[in-house]
Amino acid sequence: SFPTRRSSDLIVVLNIHSPGGSVTGTPETATRIAQLRDTKEVHAYTSTLCCSAAYYLASQADQITAAPSACIGSIGVYMAMLDESRALEMEGIKVEFIKAGRLKGMGASFKPLTDEERALMQASVDSIWQDFKKAATTLRPISEDDMQGQWFDGTTAAAKNLVDVLTNSSIDEYVAGLLVR
């Protein structure tokens, strides 16, 4: 259980170096970071990469600090599946697929997607993207045009409100600066 009062001398620094990753667990972790802000000052720092799922998490910090040359953003969602059905057919390989449930096996590489499967997957990606954009804009005004999956260098990201502060400091120098303020 968190104390009800925020203590200004409690600071958490998230040192982020990530191009992103799976959405699984990301919204829940972002919520925990947002809750952490109730009791501690939270900073996200990156000198390199803070994209996609990593940016989702960083967006919940009180302050995002980045190096001017860092890669920031990639606010978007994708799902990729390999359709090997034609290659298998050309090799003379036939997959016998026995299933229960009309959508079971959706996305299996040995068969093309049906229109219904594609629509369901697109709806899922769109829903996750809406949640990502909502989280990203909770503390910062970011334009819809800047949340189309692209990334920016730190300087541009700061101009577009994805980053709050630019720094040339290493993580050690950054944390030391927080300790003496």
N, C-alpha and C. Protein backbone atom coordinates (compact mmCIF):
# COMPACT_ATOMS: atom_id res chain seq x y z
N SER A 1 0.84 -1.18 0.00
CA SER A 1 0.00 0.00 0.00
C SER A 1 0.89 1.25 0.00
N PHE A 2 0.52 2.22 -0.83
CA PHE A 2 1.31 3.44 -0.95
C PHE A 2 0.87 4.47 0.08
N PRO A 3 1.81 5.27 0.59
CA PRO A 3 1.41 6.39 1.45
C PRO A 3 0.52 7.35 0.66
N THR A 4 -0.30 8.10 1.35
CA THR A 4 -1.22 9.00 0.68
C THR A 4 -0.56 10.30 0.24
N ARG A 5 0.61 10.59 0.74
CA ARG A 5 1.28 11.86 0.47
C ARG A 5 2.54 11.59 -0.37
N ARG A 6 2.79 12.45 -1.33
CA ARG A 6 3.98 12.33 -2.18
C ARG A 6 5.16 12.98 -1.48
N SER A 7 6.24 12.27 -1.37
CA SER A 7 7.44 12.79 -0.74
C SER A 7 8.40 13.28 -1.81
N SER A 8 8.74 14.56 -1.76
CA SER A 8 9.56 15.15 -2.81
C SER A 8 10.99 14.62 -2.81
N ASP A 9 11.43 13.98 -1.70
CA ASP A 9 12.80 13.49 -1.72
C ASP A 9 12.89 12.02 -2.16
N LEU A 10 11.80 11.46 -2.61
CA LEU A 10 11.81 10.11 -3.17
C LEU A 10 11.72 10.22 -4.68
N ILE A 11 12.80 9.83 -5.35
CA ILE A 11 12.86 9.94 -6.82
C ILE A 11 13.18 8.58 -7.41
N VAL A 12 12.45 8.23 -8.45
CA VAL A 12 12.72 7.02 -9.21
C VAL A 12 13.16 7.44 -10.60
N VAL A 13 14.27 6.88 -11.07
CA VAL A 13 14.74 7.16 -12.43
C VAL A 13 14.70 5.86 -13.22
N LEU A 14 13.95 5.87 -14.29
CA LEU A 14 13.90 4.73 -15.22
C LEU A 14 14.94 4.98 -16.29
N ASN A 15 15.98 4.17 -16.35
CA ASN A 15 17.03 4.30 -17.35
C ASN A 15 16.63 3.40 -18.52
N ILE A 16 16.14 4.00 -19.59
CA ILE A 16 15.54 3.23 -20.68
C ILE A 16 16.48 3.14 -21.88
N HIS A 17 16.66 1.93 -22.34
CA HIS A 17 17.42 1.65 -23.56
C HIS A 17 16.69 0.49 -24.25
N SER A 18 15.67 0.81 -25.04
CA SER A 18 14.86 -0.25 -25.65
C SER A 18 14.16 0.25 -26.90
N PRO A 19 14.15 -0.60 -27.94
CA PRO A 19 13.38 -0.26 -29.14
C PRO A 19 11.90 -0.60 -28.97
N GLY A 20 11.54 -1.20 -27.84
CA GLY A 20 10.16 -1.59 -27.59
C GLY A 20 10.04 -3.09 -27.47
N GLY A 21 8.89 -3.61 -27.80
CA GLY A 21 8.69 -5.05 -27.69
C GLY A 21 7.22 -5.38 -27.66
N SER A 22 6.91 -6.48 -27.07
CA SER A 22 5.54 -6.99 -27.01
C SER A 22 4.65 -6.08 -26.16
N VAL A 23 3.40 -6.01 -26.54
CA VAL A 23 2.45 -5.22 -25.76
C VAL A 23 2.05 -5.95 -24.48
N THR A 24 2.25 -7.26 -24.43
CA THR A 24 1.84 -8.03 -23.27
C THR A 24 2.52 -7.51 -22.01
N GLY A 25 1.72 -7.06 -21.07
CA GLY A 25 2.23 -6.53 -19.81
C GLY A 25 2.55 -5.04 -19.83
N THR A 26 2.64 -4.45 -21.00
CA THR A 26 3.02 -3.03 -21.09
C THR A 26 1.97 -2.11 -20.48
N PRO A 27 0.68 -2.23 -20.82
CA PRO A 27 -0.30 -1.32 -20.21
C PRO A 27 -0.35 -1.45 -18.69
N GLU A 28 -0.20 -2.66 -18.19
CA GLU A 28 -0.24 -2.87 -16.74
C GLU A 28 0.97 -2.25 -16.06
N THR A 29 2.13 -2.38 -16.68
CA THR A 29 3.34 -1.77 -16.12
C THR A 29 3.25 -0.25 -16.18
N ALA A 30 2.70 0.28 -17.28
CA ALA A 30 2.50 1.73 -17.39
C ALA A 30 1.57 2.23 -16.29
N THR A 31 0.54 1.48 -15.99
CA THR A 31 -0.38 1.85 -14.90
C THR A 31 0.36 1.87 -13.56
N ARG A 32 1.24 0.92 -13.34
CA ARG A 32 2.01 0.89 -12.09
C ARG A 32 2.93 2.11 -12.00
N ILE A 33 3.53 2.50 -13.12
CA ILE A 33 4.38 3.69 -13.12
C ILE A 33 3.55 4.94 -12.82
N ALA A 34 2.37 5.02 -13.41
CA ALA A 34 1.47 6.15 -13.14
C ALA A 34 1.09 6.19 -11.66
N GLN A 35 0.81 5.04 -11.08
CA GLN A 35 0.47 4.97 -9.65
C GLN A 35 1.68 5.37 -8.78
N LEU A 36 2.86 5.01 -9.23
CA LEU A 36 4.08 5.36 -8.51
C LEU A 36 4.24 6.88 -8.39
N ARG A 37 3.76 7.60 -9.41
CA ARG A 37 3.84 9.07 -9.38
C ARG A 37 3.09 9.66 -8.19
N ASP A 38 2.13 8.93 -7.63
CA ASP A 38 1.38 9.43 -6.48
C ASP A 38 2.27 9.59 -5.24
N THR A 39 3.33 8.81 -5.17
CA THR A 39 4.17 8.82 -3.96
C THR A 39 5.62 9.20 -4.21
N LYS A 40 6.04 9.15 -5.46
CA LYS A 40 7.43 9.44 -5.79
C LYS A 40 7.51 10.25 -7.08
N GLU A 41 8.55 11.01 -7.18
CA GLU A 41 8.82 11.72 -8.43
C GLU A 41 9.45 10.70 -9.38
N VAL A 42 8.89 10.58 -10.59
CA VAL A 42 9.36 9.57 -11.53
C VAL A 42 9.94 10.26 -12.76
N HIS A 43 11.17 9.87 -13.09
CA HIS A 43 11.86 10.39 -14.28
C HIS A 43 12.15 9.22 -15.21
N ALA A 44 12.00 9.44 -16.51
CA ALA A 44 12.45 8.49 -17.52
C ALA A 44 13.62 9.14 -18.23
N TYR A 45 14.72 8.43 -18.33
CA TYR A 45 15.95 8.95 -18.94
C TYR A 45 16.36 7.99 -20.05
N THR A 46 16.75 8.55 -21.19
CA THR A 46 17.34 7.72 -22.24
C THR A 46 18.42 8.50 -22.98
N SER A 47 19.50 7.82 -23.25
CA SER A 47 20.55 8.41 -24.08
C SER A 47 20.60 7.70 -25.43
N THR A 48 19.73 6.71 -25.61
CA THR A 48 19.78 5.89 -26.82
C THR A 48 18.40 5.68 -27.43
N LEU A 49 17.69 4.65 -26.98
CA LEU A 49 16.41 4.26 -27.56
C LEU A 49 15.30 4.28 -26.52
N CYS A 50 14.18 4.87 -26.90
CA CYS A 50 12.98 4.84 -26.06
C CYS A 50 11.80 4.84 -27.02
N CYS A 51 11.53 3.68 -27.59
CA CYS A 51 10.52 3.57 -28.64
C CYS A 51 9.46 2.52 -28.31
N SER A 52 8.31 2.70 -28.92
CA SER A 52 7.20 1.77 -28.86
C SER A 52 6.85 1.44 -27.41
N ALA A 53 6.88 0.16 -27.01
CA ALA A 53 6.48 -0.21 -25.65
C ALA A 53 7.31 0.53 -24.60
N ALA A 54 8.59 0.78 -24.89
CA ALA A 54 9.43 1.52 -23.95
C ALA A 54 8.92 2.95 -23.79
N TYR A 55 8.48 3.57 -24.90
CA TYR A 55 7.92 4.92 -24.79
C TYR A 55 6.59 4.89 -24.04
N TYR A 56 5.79 3.85 -24.26
CA TYR A 56 4.52 3.69 -23.53
C TYR A 56 4.81 3.81 -22.03
N LEU A 57 5.85 3.11 -21.56
CA LEU A 57 6.21 3.16 -20.14
C LEU A 57 6.74 4.54 -19.74
N ALA A 58 7.66 5.07 -20.53
CA ALA A 58 8.26 6.36 -20.22
C ALA A 58 7.21 7.47 -20.16
N SER A 59 6.17 7.36 -20.97
CA SER A 59 5.15 8.42 -21.04
C SER A 59 4.44 8.63 -19.71
N GLN A 60 4.56 7.67 -18.81
CA GLN A 60 3.89 7.79 -17.52
C GLN A 60 4.76 8.47 -16.46
N ALA A 61 5.98 8.79 -16.80
CA ALA A 61 6.89 9.48 -15.87
C ALA A 61 6.55 10.96 -15.81
N ASP A 62 6.86 11.56 -14.66
CA ASP A 62 6.67 13.01 -14.51
C ASP A 62 7.49 13.77 -15.54
N GLN A 63 8.69 13.25 -15.81
CA GLN A 63 9.58 13.94 -16.75
C GLN A 63 10.30 12.90 -17.61
N ILE A 64 10.35 13.18 -18.91
CA ILE A 64 11.14 12.37 -19.84
C ILE A 64 12.32 13.22 -20.27
N THR A 65 13.52 12.69 -20.03
CA THR A 65 14.75 13.37 -20.39
C THR A 65 15.49 12.51 -21.39
N ALA A 66 15.97 13.13 -22.47
CA ALA A 66 16.64 12.36 -23.53
C ALA A 66 17.84 13.11 -24.09
N ALA A 67 18.77 12.34 -24.60
CA ALA A 67 19.89 12.91 -25.34
C ALA A 67 19.36 13.43 -26.67
N PRO A 68 19.94 14.49 -27.20
CA PRO A 68 19.48 15.03 -28.49
C PRO A 68 19.49 14.01 -29.62
N SER A 69 20.42 13.04 -29.57
CA SER A 69 20.51 12.05 -30.65
C SER A 69 19.73 10.76 -30.38
N ALA A 70 19.07 10.66 -29.24
CA ALA A 70 18.30 9.45 -28.92
C ALA A 70 17.15 9.25 -29.91
N CYS A 71 16.70 8.03 -30.06
CA CYS A 71 15.52 7.72 -30.87
C CYS A 71 14.32 7.59 -29.94
N ILE A 72 13.30 8.40 -30.21
CA ILE A 72 12.15 8.50 -29.31
C ILE A 72 10.86 8.32 -30.10
N GLY A 73 9.89 7.62 -29.51
CA GLY A 73 8.55 7.59 -30.08
C GLY A 73 8.11 6.22 -30.55
N SER A 74 7.80 6.13 -31.84
CA SER A 74 7.25 4.92 -32.45
C SER A 74 5.93 4.54 -31.77
N ILE A 75 5.05 5.53 -31.64
CA ILE A 75 3.75 5.32 -31.01
C ILE A 75 2.84 4.69 -32.05
N GLY A 76 2.80 3.39 -32.03
CA GLY A 76 2.02 2.61 -32.98
C GLY A 76 2.03 1.16 -32.56
N VAL A 77 1.26 0.36 -33.25
CA VAL A 77 1.14 -1.06 -32.92
C VAL A 77 1.10 -1.84 -34.22
N TYR A 78 1.79 -2.98 -34.23
CA TYR A 78 1.65 -3.85 -35.40
C TYR A 78 1.63 -5.31 -34.97
N MET A 79 1.10 -6.11 -35.86
CA MET A 79 1.06 -7.55 -35.68
C MET A 79 1.51 -8.12 -37.02
N ALA A 80 2.45 -9.02 -36.99
CA ALA A 80 2.96 -9.60 -38.23
C ALA A 80 2.82 -11.12 -38.20
N MET A 81 2.33 -11.66 -39.29
CA MET A 81 2.21 -13.10 -39.43
C MET A 81 2.75 -13.51 -40.78
N LEU A 82 3.36 -14.65 -40.81
CA LEU A 82 3.93 -15.18 -42.03
C LEU A 82 2.93 -16.14 -42.66
N ASP A 83 2.60 -15.91 -43.93
CA ASP A 83 1.73 -16.82 -44.67
C ASP A 83 2.62 -17.67 -45.58
N GLU A 84 2.90 -18.89 -45.15
CA GLU A 84 3.74 -19.80 -45.91
C GLU A 84 2.93 -20.78 -46.76
N SER A 85 1.63 -20.58 -46.85
CA SER A 85 0.77 -21.55 -47.50
C SER A 85 1.16 -21.80 -48.95
N ARG A 86 1.47 -20.77 -49.69
CA ARG A 86 1.85 -20.95 -51.10
C ARG A 86 3.20 -21.66 -51.23
N ALA A 87 4.17 -21.29 -50.38
CA ALA A 87 5.47 -21.95 -50.42
C ALA A 87 5.34 -23.43 -50.08
N LEU A 88 4.52 -23.75 -49.10
CA LEU A 88 4.29 -25.15 -48.75
C LEU A 88 3.65 -25.90 -49.92
N GLU A 89 2.67 -25.26 -50.54
CA GLU A 89 2.00 -25.86 -51.69
C GLU A 89 2.99 -26.12 -52.82
N MET A 90 3.87 -25.17 -53.10
CA MET A 90 4.87 -25.32 -54.16
C MET A 90 5.87 -26.44 -53.84
N GLU A 91 6.07 -26.71 -52.57
CA GLU A 91 6.97 -27.79 -52.15
C GLU A 91 6.24 -29.12 -52.07
N GLY A 92 4.95 -29.10 -52.37
CA GLY A 92 4.16 -30.33 -52.32
C GLY A 92 3.77 -30.73 -50.91
N ILE A 93 3.81 -29.78 -49.99
CA ILE A 93 3.46 -30.06 -48.59
C ILE A 93 2.04 -29.60 -48.34
N LYS A 94 1.24 -30.51 -47.81
CA LYS A 94 -0.13 -30.19 -47.47
C LYS A 94 -0.31 -30.36 -45.97
N VAL A 95 -0.83 -29.37 -45.32
CA VAL A 95 -1.07 -29.42 -43.87
C VAL A 95 -2.51 -29.83 -43.65
N GLU A 96 -2.71 -30.87 -42.89
CA GLU A 96 -4.06 -31.27 -42.46
C GLU A 96 -4.32 -30.57 -41.14
N PHE A 97 -5.31 -29.74 -41.10
CA PHE A 97 -5.58 -28.91 -39.92
C PHE A 97 -6.95 -29.27 -39.39
N ILE A 98 -6.99 -29.83 -38.22
CA ILE A 98 -8.24 -30.23 -37.57
C ILE A 98 -8.42 -29.33 -36.37
N LYS A 99 -9.59 -28.71 -36.27
CA LYS A 99 -9.79 -27.72 -35.22
C LYS A 99 -11.21 -27.74 -34.70
N ALA A 100 -11.40 -27.11 -33.56
CA ALA A 100 -12.72 -26.86 -33.00
C ALA A 100 -12.78 -25.37 -32.71
N GLY A 101 -13.77 -24.70 -33.24
CA GLY A 101 -13.89 -23.25 -33.13
C GLY A 101 -13.47 -22.60 -34.44
N ARG A 102 -14.36 -21.84 -35.03
CA ARG A 102 -14.09 -21.32 -36.39
C ARG A 102 -12.86 -20.41 -36.46
N LEU A 103 -12.46 -19.83 -35.35
CA LEU A 103 -11.30 -18.93 -35.36
C LEU A 103 -10.04 -19.58 -34.80
N LYS A 104 -10.14 -20.83 -34.36
CA LYS A 104 -8.95 -21.50 -33.83
C LYS A 104 -7.93 -21.66 -34.95
N GLY A 105 -6.69 -21.36 -34.66
CA GLY A 105 -5.63 -21.44 -35.66
C GLY A 105 -5.44 -20.14 -36.42
N MET A 106 -6.15 -19.10 -35.99
CA MET A 106 -6.04 -17.79 -36.62
C MET A 106 -4.58 -17.34 -36.59
N GLY A 107 -4.03 -17.02 -37.75
CA GLY A 107 -2.65 -16.56 -37.83
C GLY A 107 -1.64 -17.68 -38.02
N ALA A 108 -2.08 -18.93 -38.12
CA ALA A 108 -1.16 -20.03 -38.36
C ALA A 108 -0.47 -19.81 -39.70
N SER A 109 0.83 -20.07 -39.75
CA SER A 109 1.61 -19.74 -40.95
C SER A 109 1.30 -20.63 -42.15
N PHE A 110 0.64 -21.73 -41.93
CA PHE A 110 0.36 -22.65 -43.04
C PHE A 110 -0.94 -22.38 -43.77
N LYS A 111 -1.62 -21.28 -43.39
CA LYS A 111 -2.87 -20.94 -44.08
C LYS A 111 -3.04 -19.41 -44.14
N PRO A 112 -3.67 -18.95 -45.21
CA PRO A 112 -3.94 -17.50 -45.28
C PRO A 112 -5.02 -17.10 -44.28
N LEU A 113 -5.01 -15.84 -43.89
CA LEU A 113 -6.06 -15.32 -43.02
C LEU A 113 -7.38 -15.23 -43.79
N THR A 114 -8.46 -15.48 -43.09
CA THR A 114 -9.78 -15.20 -43.67
C THR A 114 -10.07 -13.72 -43.46
N ASP A 115 -11.07 -13.20 -44.14
CA ASP A 115 -11.45 -11.80 -43.94
C ASP A 115 -11.87 -11.55 -42.50
N GLU A 116 -12.59 -12.51 -41.90
CA GLU A 116 -13.04 -12.36 -40.52
C GLU A 116 -11.85 -12.32 -39.57
N GLU A 117 -10.86 -13.20 -39.79
CA GLU A 117 -9.68 -13.22 -38.94
C GLU A 117 -8.90 -11.91 -39.06
N ARG A 118 -8.73 -11.44 -40.28
CA ARG A 118 -8.00 -10.19 -40.51
C ARG A 118 -8.71 -9.02 -39.81
N ALA A 119 -10.04 -8.99 -39.91
CA ALA A 119 -10.81 -7.91 -39.27
C ALA A 119 -10.66 -7.95 -37.75
N LEU A 120 -10.69 -9.14 -37.17
CA LEU A 120 -10.53 -9.27 -35.72
C LEU A 120 -9.14 -8.81 -35.27
N MET A 121 -8.13 -9.20 -36.03
CA MET A 121 -6.77 -8.80 -35.68
C MET A 121 -6.58 -7.30 -35.83
N GLN A 122 -7.15 -6.73 -36.88
CA GLN A 122 -7.05 -5.27 -37.08
C GLN A 122 -7.75 -4.54 -35.94
N ALA A 123 -8.91 -5.03 -35.52
CA ALA A 123 -9.63 -4.40 -34.42
C ALA A 123 -8.81 -4.45 -33.13
N SER A 124 -8.13 -5.55 -32.90
CA SER A 124 -7.28 -5.68 -31.72
C SER A 124 -6.12 -4.69 -31.77
N VAL A 125 -5.45 -4.61 -32.91
CA VAL A 125 -4.33 -3.66 -33.07
C VAL A 125 -4.82 -2.22 -32.90
N ASP A 126 -5.97 -1.89 -33.49
CA ASP A 126 -6.52 -0.55 -33.36
C ASP A 126 -6.85 -0.21 -31.91
N SER A 127 -7.40 -1.16 -31.17
CA SER A 127 -7.76 -0.93 -29.77
C SER A 127 -6.51 -0.69 -28.91
N ILE A 128 -5.49 -1.50 -29.12
CA ILE A 128 -4.24 -1.32 -28.37
C ILE A 128 -3.62 0.03 -28.70
N TRP A 129 -3.66 0.41 -29.98
CA TRP A 129 -3.10 1.70 -30.40
C TRP A 129 -3.83 2.86 -29.74
N GLN A 130 -5.17 2.77 -29.65
CA GLN A 130 -5.95 3.83 -28.99
C GLN A 130 -5.52 3.95 -27.52
N ASP A 131 -5.34 2.82 -26.85
CA ASP A 131 -4.90 2.84 -25.46
C ASP A 131 -3.50 3.46 -25.34
N PHE A 132 -2.61 3.10 -26.27
CA PHE A 132 -1.24 3.63 -26.27
C PHE A 132 -1.28 5.15 -26.44
N LYS A 133 -2.06 5.64 -27.40
CA LYS A 133 -2.14 7.08 -27.63
C LYS A 133 -2.72 7.81 -26.42
N LYS A 134 -3.71 7.21 -25.78
CA LYS A 134 -4.30 7.81 -24.59
C LYS A 134 -3.26 7.92 -23.47
N ALA A 135 -2.49 6.84 -23.28
CA ALA A 135 -1.44 6.86 -22.26
C ALA A 135 -0.37 7.90 -22.59
N ALA A 136 0.04 7.95 -23.85
CA ALA A 136 1.11 8.88 -24.27
C ALA A 136 0.71 10.33 -24.08
N THR A 137 -0.58 10.62 -24.19
CA THR A 137 -1.05 12.01 -24.09
C THR A 137 -1.62 12.36 -22.71
N THR A 138 -1.50 11.46 -21.77
CA THR A 138 -1.99 11.74 -20.42
C THR A 138 -1.27 12.93 -19.79
N LEU A 139 0.04 13.00 -19.96
CA LEU A 139 0.83 14.07 -19.34
C LEU A 139 1.43 15.05 -20.34
N ARG A 140 1.34 14.73 -21.63
CA ARG A 140 1.99 15.56 -22.65
C ARG A 140 1.06 15.75 -23.85
N PRO A 141 0.96 16.98 -24.35
CA PRO A 141 0.13 17.20 -25.55
C PRO A 141 0.90 16.79 -26.81
N ILE A 142 0.56 15.64 -27.36
CA ILE A 142 1.22 15.13 -28.56
C ILE A 142 0.18 15.08 -29.67
N SER A 143 0.53 15.58 -30.83
CA SER A 143 -0.43 15.61 -31.93
C SER A 143 -0.64 14.21 -32.51
N GLU A 144 -1.82 14.01 -33.04
CA GLU A 144 -2.17 12.75 -33.71
C GLU A 144 -1.18 12.43 -34.82
N ASP A 145 -0.73 13.45 -35.54
CA ASP A 145 0.23 13.25 -36.63
C ASP A 145 1.56 12.70 -36.14
N ASP A 146 1.88 12.92 -34.87
CA ASP A 146 3.15 12.46 -34.32
C ASP A 146 3.02 11.11 -33.62
N MET A 147 1.84 10.49 -33.75
CA MET A 147 1.61 9.17 -33.16
C MET A 147 1.19 8.18 -34.25
N GLN A 148 1.94 8.18 -35.33
CA GLN A 148 1.63 7.31 -36.46
C GLN A 148 2.69 6.21 -36.65
N GLY A 149 3.41 5.90 -35.58
CA GLY A 149 4.40 4.84 -35.62
C GLY A 149 5.81 5.29 -35.94
N GLN A 150 6.00 6.58 -36.22
CA GLN A 150 7.34 7.07 -36.55
C GLN A 150 8.14 7.38 -35.29
N TRP A 151 9.44 7.43 -35.42
CA TRP A 151 10.30 7.83 -34.32
C TRP A 151 11.01 9.12 -34.69
N PHE A 152 11.52 9.81 -33.67
CA PHE A 152 12.17 11.09 -33.84
C PHE A 152 13.49 11.10 -33.07
N ASP A 153 14.42 11.94 -33.50
CA ASP A 153 15.61 12.14 -32.66
C ASP A 153 15.15 12.96 -31.45
N GLY A 154 15.98 12.99 -30.41
CA GLY A 154 15.59 13.65 -29.18
C GLY A 154 15.22 15.11 -29.34
N THR A 155 15.96 15.82 -30.17
CA THR A 155 15.69 17.25 -30.38
C THR A 155 14.31 17.45 -30.99
N THR A 156 14.01 16.68 -32.01
CA THR A 156 12.69 16.77 -32.65
C THR A 156 11.60 16.30 -31.70
N ALA A 157 11.87 15.24 -30.95
CA ALA A 157 10.89 14.72 -29.99
C ALA A 157 10.56 15.78 -28.94
N ALA A 158 11.55 16.54 -28.52
CA ALA A 158 11.30 17.62 -27.54
C ALA A 158 10.42 18.70 -28.16
N ALA A 159 10.68 19.05 -29.40
CA ALA A 159 9.87 20.07 -30.08
C ALA A 159 8.43 19.59 -30.28
N LYS A 160 8.24 18.28 -30.35
CA LYS A 160 6.91 17.71 -30.56
C LYS A 160 6.26 17.22 -29.26
N ASN A 161 6.84 17.57 -28.12
CA ASN A 161 6.31 17.28 -26.78
C ASN A 161 6.40 15.82 -26.36
N LEU A 162 7.18 15.00 -27.04
CA LEU A 162 7.38 13.62 -26.60
C LEU A 162 8.42 13.55 -25.50
N VAL A 163 9.27 14.57 -25.42
CA VAL A 163 10.34 14.65 -24.42
C VAL A 163 10.22 16.00 -23.73
N ASP A 164 10.49 16.02 -22.42
CA ASP A 164 10.39 17.25 -21.64
C ASP A 164 11.70 18.02 -21.56
N VAL A 165 12.82 17.29 -21.46
CA VAL A 165 14.12 17.91 -21.25
C VAL A 165 15.16 17.20 -22.10
N LEU A 166 16.03 17.97 -22.73
CA LEU A 166 17.17 17.41 -23.45
C LEU A 166 18.40 17.50 -22.57
N THR A 167 19.28 16.51 -22.67
CA THR A 167 20.49 16.52 -21.86
C THR A 167 21.64 15.88 -22.62
N ASN A 168 22.83 16.32 -22.30
CA ASN A 168 24.05 15.67 -22.78
C ASN A 168 24.69 14.85 -21.66
N SER A 169 24.01 14.78 -20.54
CA SER A 169 24.54 14.08 -19.36
C SER A 169 24.42 12.56 -19.51
N SER A 170 25.39 11.86 -18.92
CA SER A 170 25.28 10.41 -18.79
C SER A 170 24.24 10.13 -17.71
N ILE A 171 23.84 8.87 -17.57
CA ILE A 171 22.88 8.52 -16.53
C ILE A 171 23.44 8.86 -15.15
N ASP A 172 24.71 8.61 -14.92
CA ASP A 172 25.32 8.92 -13.63
C ASP A 172 25.28 10.41 -13.34
N GLU A 173 25.61 11.22 -14.34
CA GLU A 173 25.58 12.69 -14.16
C GLU A 173 24.15 13.16 -13.94
N TYR A 174 23.20 12.56 -14.66
CA TYR A 174 21.80 12.94 -14.53
C TYR A 174 21.30 12.68 -13.10
N VAL A 175 21.54 11.48 -12.61
CA VAL A 175 21.10 11.12 -11.26
C VAL A 175 21.81 12.00 -10.23
N ALA A 176 23.09 12.23 -10.39
CA ALA A 176 23.83 13.10 -9.46
C ALA A 176 23.21 14.49 -9.42
N GLY A 177 22.80 15.01 -10.59
CA GLY A 177 22.15 16.31 -10.63
C GLY A 177 20.83 16.32 -9.87
N LEU A 178 20.09 15.23 -9.92
CA LEU A 178 18.83 15.14 -9.17
C LEU A 178 19.09 15.11 -7.67
N LEU A 179 20.17 14.51 -7.27
CA LEU A 179 20.47 14.37 -5.85
C LEU A 179 20.89 15.67 -5.18
N VAL A 180 21.43 16.62 -5.97
CA VAL A 180 21.91 17.87 -5.38
C VAL A 180 20.95 19.03 -5.55
N ARG A 181 19.83 18.82 -6.15
CA ARG A 181 18.93 19.95 -6.36
C ARG A 181 18.15 20.32 -5.13
